[in-house]
């Protein structure tokens, strides 16, 4: 299981970078279709970081 790495220290850029990296690894190295790779990456990112941080304006 992935350990949650941040609660107060994460920001939207970190969250998105983790998600994109995990999806790309699954798609290109694992041969998984992009939509399924993104679904799996979302599950993993939520486990690691929690919900996506809100954008501050």
C-alpha atoms as a PDB file:
ATOM      1  CA  UNK A   1       0.000   0.000   0.000  1.00  0.00           C
ATOM      2  CA  UNK A   2       1.223   3.499  -0.796  1.00  0.00           C
ATOM      3  CA  UNK A   3       1.925   5.597   2.262  1.00  0.00           C
ATOM      4  CA  UNK A   4       0.168   8.954   2.311  1.00  0.00           C
ATOM      5  CA  UNK A   5       3.024  11.364   1.720  1.00  0.00           C
ATOM      6  CA  UNK A   6       1.440  14.722   2.357  1.00  0.00           C
ATOM      7  CA  UNK A   7      -1.473  16.340   4.041  1.00  0.00           C
ATOM      8  CA  UNK A   8      -0.414  19.899   4.622  1.00  0.00           C
ATOM      9  CA  UNK A   9       2.612  19.893   2.308  1.00  0.00           C
ATOM     10  CA  UNK A  10       0.991  18.903  -0.964  1.00  0.00           C
ATOM     11  CA  UNK A  11      -0.115  21.316  -3.567  1.00  0.00           C
ATOM     12  CA  UNK A  12      -2.038  20.931  -6.778  1.00  0.00           C
ATOM     13  CA  UNK A  13       1.121  20.739  -8.918  1.00  0.00           C
ATOM     14  CA  UNK A  14       2.528  17.864  -6.808  1.00  0.00           C
ATOM     15  CA  UNK A  15      -0.785  16.023  -6.880  1.00  0.00           C
ATOM     16  CA  UNK A  16      -1.147  16.366 -10.644  1.00  0.00           C
ATOM     17  CA  UNK A  17       2.497  15.455 -11.316  1.00  0.00           C
ATOM     18  CA  UNK A  18       2.101  12.243  -9.307  1.00  0.00           C
ATOM     19  CA  UNK A  19      -1.128  11.377 -11.112  1.00  0.00           C
ATOM     20  CA  UNK A  20       0.333  12.025 -14.574  1.00  0.00           C
ATOM     21  CA  UNK A  21       3.504  10.074 -13.828  1.00  0.00           C
ATOM     22  CA  UNK A  22       1.620   7.049 -12.535  1.00  0.00           C
ATOM     23  CA  UNK A  23      -0.779   7.085 -15.509  1.00  0.00           C
ATOM     24  CA  UNK A  24       2.092   7.379 -18.001  1.00  0.00           C
ATOM     25  CA  UNK A  25       4.001   4.504 -16.425  1.00  0.00           C
ATOM     26  CA  UNK A  26       0.952   2.260 -16.624  1.00  0.00           C
ATOM     27  CA  UNK A  27       0.154   3.299 -20.186  1.00  0.00           C
ATOM     28  CA  UNK A  28       3.611   3.162 -21.747  1.00  0.00           C
ATOM     29  CA  UNK A  29       5.404   0.532 -19.680  1.00  0.00           C
ATOM     30  CA  UNK A  30       2.392  -1.541 -18.740  1.00  0.00           C
ATOM     31  CA  UNK A  31       0.581  -1.389 -22.066  1.00  0.00           C
ATOM     32  CA  UNK A  32      -2.691  -0.375 -20.412  1.00  0.00           C
ATOM     33  CA  UNK A  33      -5.204   1.802 -22.294  1.00  0.00           C
ATOM     34  CA  UNK A  34      -5.004   5.475 -21.250  1.00  0.00           C
ATOM     35  CA  UNK A  35      -8.470   5.595 -19.663  1.00  0.00           C
ATOM     36  CA  UNK A  36      -7.746   2.546 -17.477  1.00  0.00           C
ATOM     37  CA  UNK A  37      -4.249   3.843 -16.676  1.00  0.00           C
ATOM     38  CA  UNK A  38      -5.778   7.118 -15.482  1.00  0.00           C
ATOM     39  CA  UNK A  39      -8.378   5.313 -13.362  1.00  0.00           C
ATOM     40  CA  UNK A  40      -5.695   3.257 -11.653  1.00  0.00           C
ATOM     41  CA  UNK A  41      -3.440   6.302 -11.249  1.00  0.00           C
ATOM     42  CA  UNK A  42      -6.294   8.236  -9.652  1.00  0.00           C
ATOM     43  CA  UNK A  43      -6.835   5.476  -7.096  1.00  0.00           C
ATOM     44  CA  UNK A  44      -3.131   5.440  -6.268  1.00  0.00           C
ATOM     45  CA  UNK A  45      -2.856   9.234  -6.099  1.00  0.00           C
ATOM     46  CA  UNK A  46      -5.853   9.487  -3.795  1.00  0.00           C
ATOM     47  CA  UNK A  47      -4.283   6.862  -1.522  1.00  0.00           C
ATOM     48  CA  UNK A  48      -0.964   8.722  -1.493  1.00  0.00           C
ATOM     49  CA  UNK A  49      -2.092  12.358  -1.331  1.00  0.00           C
ATOM     50  CA  UNK A  50      -5.791  12.374  -0.522  1.00  0.00           C
ATOM     51  CA  UNK A  51      -8.244  14.504  -2.492  1.00  0.00           C
ATOM     52  CA  UNK A  52      -6.894  16.885  -5.091  1.00  0.00           C
ATOM     53  CA  UNK A  53      -6.030  20.238  -3.482  1.00  0.00           C
ATOM     54  CA  UNK A  54      -8.329  23.094  -4.441  1.00  0.00           C
ATOM     55  CA  UNK A  55      -6.987  25.790  -6.703  1.00  0.00           C
ATOM     56  CA  UNK A  56      -6.482  29.057  -4.900  1.00  0.00           C
ATOM     57  CA  UNK A  57      -7.370  32.246  -6.773  1.00  0.00           C
END
